[in-house]
Amino acid sequence: MANEAWKSFLRGRIAQEQGNAEEASKLIGDALAVEPGNSSFRKAQAFALEAQKRGTEAGDLRIAAAYEAVAQRLSGANDRPEAWIDELQALQRQLDSGQVSVVW
């Protein structure tokens, strides 16, 4: 199944590079339906959505990715309430400003 997701993703990326953002978004969306946690898929989908002037949806993907990065950093020994509060407040400020930064 994952192999099919990657096939769809790669076809979507080709469409994206060819300037066909609508087709790219559809194909990458198909890949995301199979592997919703794949950050490569989400990043490409965010770009495809932005190219279609669908910034709100692209922003949703970016905030989800930013939250996942925080969750990964704060798992295990780093899981402290004060660290979560700081990181979540930073995400909230980014969201409020419309400038969500994600390290892909």
C-alpha atoms as a PDB file:
ATOM      1  CA  MET A   1       0.000   0.000   0.000  1.00  0.00           C
ATOM      2  CA  ALA A   2       2.809   2.433   0.875  1.00  0.00           C
ATOM      3  CA  ASN A   3       4.342   1.768  -2.526  1.00  0.00           C
ATOM      4  CA  GLU A   4       1.117   2.990  -4.178  1.00  0.00           C
ATOM      5  CA  ALA A   5       1.202   6.124  -2.038  1.00  0.00           C
ATOM      6  CA  TRP A   6       4.713   6.898  -3.227  1.00  0.00           C
ATOM      7  CA  LYS A   7       3.740   6.279  -6.837  1.00  0.00           C
ATOM      8  CA  SER A   8       0.891   8.753  -6.509  1.00  0.00           C
ATOM      9  CA  PHE A   9       3.141  11.217  -4.710  1.00  0.00           C
ATOM     10  CA  LEU A  10       5.803  11.065  -7.413  1.00  0.00           C
ATOM     11  CA  ARG A  11       3.210  11.556 -10.154  1.00  0.00           C
ATOM     12  CA  GLY A  12       1.936  14.515  -8.144  1.00  0.00           C
ATOM     13  CA  ARG A  13       5.400  16.003  -7.821  1.00  0.00           C
ATOM     14  CA  ILE A  14       5.900  15.660 -11.577  1.00  0.00           C
ATOM     15  CA  ALA A  15       2.610  17.489 -12.132  1.00  0.00           C
ATOM     16  CA  GLN A  16       3.734  20.124  -9.639  1.00  0.00           C
ATOM     17  CA  GLU A  17       7.010  20.696 -11.472  1.00  0.00           C
ATOM     18  CA  GLN A  18       5.075  20.931 -14.735  1.00  0.00           C
ATOM     19  CA  GLY A  19       3.001  23.731 -13.224  1.00  0.00           C
ATOM     20  CA  ASN A  20      -0.208  21.737 -12.834  1.00  0.00           C
ATOM     21  CA  ALA A  21      -0.960  22.501  -9.189  1.00  0.00           C
ATOM     22  CA  GLU A  22      -4.525  21.161  -9.332  1.00  0.00           C
ATOM     23  CA  GLU A  23      -3.451  17.725 -10.586  1.00  0.00           C
ATOM     24  CA  ALA A  24      -0.504  17.762  -8.168  1.00  0.00           C
ATOM     25  CA  SER A  25      -2.816  18.469  -5.247  1.00  0.00           C
ATOM     26  CA  LYS A  26      -5.144  15.627  -6.231  1.00  0.00           C
ATOM     27  CA  LEU A  27      -2.368  13.060  -6.624  1.00  0.00           C
ATOM     28  CA  ILE A  28      -0.506  14.128  -3.506  1.00  0.00           C
ATOM     29  CA  GLY A  29      -3.820  14.109  -1.641  1.00  0.00           C
ATOM     30  CA  ASP A  30      -4.288  10.499  -2.739  1.00  0.00           C
ATOM     31  CA  ALA A  31      -0.869   9.694  -1.278  1.00  0.00           C
ATOM     32  CA  LEU A  32      -1.766  11.487   1.959  1.00  0.00           C
ATOM     33  CA  ALA A  33      -4.961   9.451   2.239  1.00  0.00           C
ATOM     34  CA  VAL A  34      -2.786   6.344   2.492  1.00  0.00           C
ATOM     35  CA  GLU A  35       0.010   7.880   4.592  1.00  0.00           C
ATOM     36  CA  PRO A  36      -1.396  10.918   6.421  1.00  0.00           C
ATOM     37  CA  GLY A  37       1.656  11.209   8.646  1.00  0.00           C
ATOM     38  CA  ASN A  38       4.178  11.489   5.814  1.00  0.00           C
ATOM     39  CA  SER A  39       5.858  14.887   6.150  1.00  0.00           C
ATOM     40  CA  SER A  40       7.199  14.821   2.576  1.00  0.00           C
ATOM     41  CA  PHE A  41       3.674  14.386   1.290  1.00  0.00           C
ATOM     42  CA  ARG A  42       2.353  17.181   3.521  1.00  0.00           C
ATOM     43  CA  LYS A  43       5.084  19.583   2.455  1.00  0.00           C
ATOM     44  CA  ALA A  44       4.431  19.004  -1.232  1.00  0.00           C
ATOM     45  CA  GLN A  45       0.674  19.295  -0.672  1.00  0.00           C
ATOM     46  CA  ALA A  46       1.146  22.619   1.133  1.00  0.00           C
ATOM     47  CA  PHE A  47       3.075  23.979  -1.855  1.00  0.00           C
ATOM     48  CA  ALA A  48       0.450  22.679  -4.297  1.00  0.00           C
ATOM     49  CA  LEU A  49      -2.336  24.286  -2.279  1.00  0.00           C
ATOM     50  CA  GLU A  50      -0.476  27.592  -2.077  1.00  0.00           C
ATOM     51  CA  ALA A  51      -0.025  27.540  -5.856  1.00  0.00           C
ATOM     52  CA  GLN A  52      -3.811  27.238  -6.129  1.00  0.00           C
ATOM     53  CA  LYS A  53      -4.282  30.211  -3.774  1.00  0.00           C
ATOM     54  CA  ARG A  54      -5.635  27.853  -1.104  1.00  0.00           C
ATOM     55  CA  GLY A  55      -3.498  29.301   1.665  1.00  0.00           C
ATOM     56  CA  THR A  56      -5.808  28.358   4.535  1.00  0.00           C
ATOM     57  CA  GLU A  57      -5.575  24.664   3.698  1.00  0.00           C
ATOM     58  CA  ALA A  58      -1.826  24.961   3.174  1.00  0.00           C
ATOM     59  CA  GLY A  59      -1.543  26.671   6.552  1.00  0.00           C
ATOM     60  CA  ASP A  60      -3.423  23.815   8.185  1.00  0.00           C
ATOM     61  CA  LEU A  61      -0.817  21.385   6.855  1.00  0.00           C
ATOM     62  CA  ARG A  62       1.999  23.591   8.079  1.00  0.00           C
ATOM     63  CA  ILE A  63       0.616  23.938  11.619  1.00  0.00           C
ATOM     64  CA  ALA A  64       0.069  20.172  11.815  1.00  0.00           C
ATOM     65  CA  ALA A  65       3.675  19.606  10.770  1.00  0.00           C
ATOM     66  CA  ALA A  66       4.935  22.193  13.259  1.00  0.00           C
ATOM     67  CA  TYR A  67       2.980  20.530  16.071  1.00  0.00           C
ATOM     68  CA  GLU A  68       4.345  17.109  15.122  1.00  0.00           C
ATOM     69  CA  ALA A  69       7.886  18.488  15.222  1.00  0.00           C
ATOM     70  CA  VAL A  70       7.244  19.836  18.728  1.00  0.00           C
ATOM     71  CA  ALA A  71       5.750  16.527  19.839  1.00  0.00           C
ATOM     72  CA  GLN A  72       8.768  14.658  18.516  1.00  0.00           C
ATOM     73  CA  ARG A  73      11.206  16.994  20.300  1.00  0.00           C
ATOM     74  CA  LEU A  74       9.308  16.805  23.582  1.00  0.00           C
ATOM     75  CA  SER A  75       8.861  13.058  23.795  1.00  0.00           C
ATOM     76  CA  GLY A  76      10.675  10.921  26.325  1.00  0.00           C
ATOM     77  CA  ALA A  77      13.086  12.666  28.660  1.00  0.00           C
ATOM     78  CA  ASN A  78      12.211  16.088  27.230  1.00  0.00           C
ATOM     79  CA  ASP A  79       8.515  15.733  28.119  1.00  0.00           C
ATOM     80  CA  ARG A  80       8.118  18.525  30.665  1.00  0.00           C
ATOM     81  CA  PRO A  81       5.007  20.711  31.087  1.00  0.00           C
ATOM     82  CA  GLU A  82       6.984  23.962  30.958  1.00  0.00           C
ATOM     83  CA  ALA A  83       8.620  22.943  27.686  1.00  0.00           C
ATOM     84  CA  TRP A  84       5.227  22.080  26.187  1.00  0.00           C
ATOM     85  CA  ILE A  85       3.764  25.373  27.350  1.00  0.00           C
ATOM     86  CA  ASP A  86       6.627  27.360  25.792  1.00  0.00           C
ATOM     87  CA  GLU A  87       6.435  25.477  22.491  1.00  0.00           C
ATOM     88  CA  LEU A  88       2.640  25.592  22.285  1.00  0.00           C
ATOM     89  CA  GLN A  89       2.600  29.308  23.044  1.00  0.00           C
ATOM     90  CA  ALA A  90       5.185  29.853  20.289  1.00  0.00           C
ATOM     91  CA  LEU A  91       2.999  27.908  17.868  1.00  0.00           C
ATOM     92  CA  GLN A  92      -0.007  29.972  18.928  1.00  0.00           C
ATOM     93  CA  ARG A  93       1.904  33.211  18.281  1.00  0.00           C
ATOM     94  CA  GLN A  94       2.931  31.943  14.856  1.00  0.00           C
ATOM     95  CA  LEU A  95      -0.633  30.968  14.066  1.00  0.00           C
ATOM     96  CA  ASP A  96      -1.947  34.338  15.276  1.00  0.00           C
ATOM     97  CA  SER A  97       0.579  36.154  13.074  1.00  0.00           C
ATOM     98  CA  GLY A  98      -0.112  33.947  10.059  1.00  0.00           C
ATOM     99  CA  GLN A  99       3.552  32.990   9.886  1.00  0.00           C
ATOM    100  CA  VAL A 100       3.801  29.315  10.792  1.00  0.00           C
ATOM    101  CA  SER A 101       7.392  28.197  10.381  1.00  0.00           C
ATOM    102  CA  VAL A 102       8.082  24.533   9.912  1.00  0.00           C
ATOM    103  CA  VAL A 103      11.420  22.800   9.682  1.00  0.00           C
ATOM    104  CA  TRP A 104      10.601  20.139   7.114  1.00  0.00           C
END
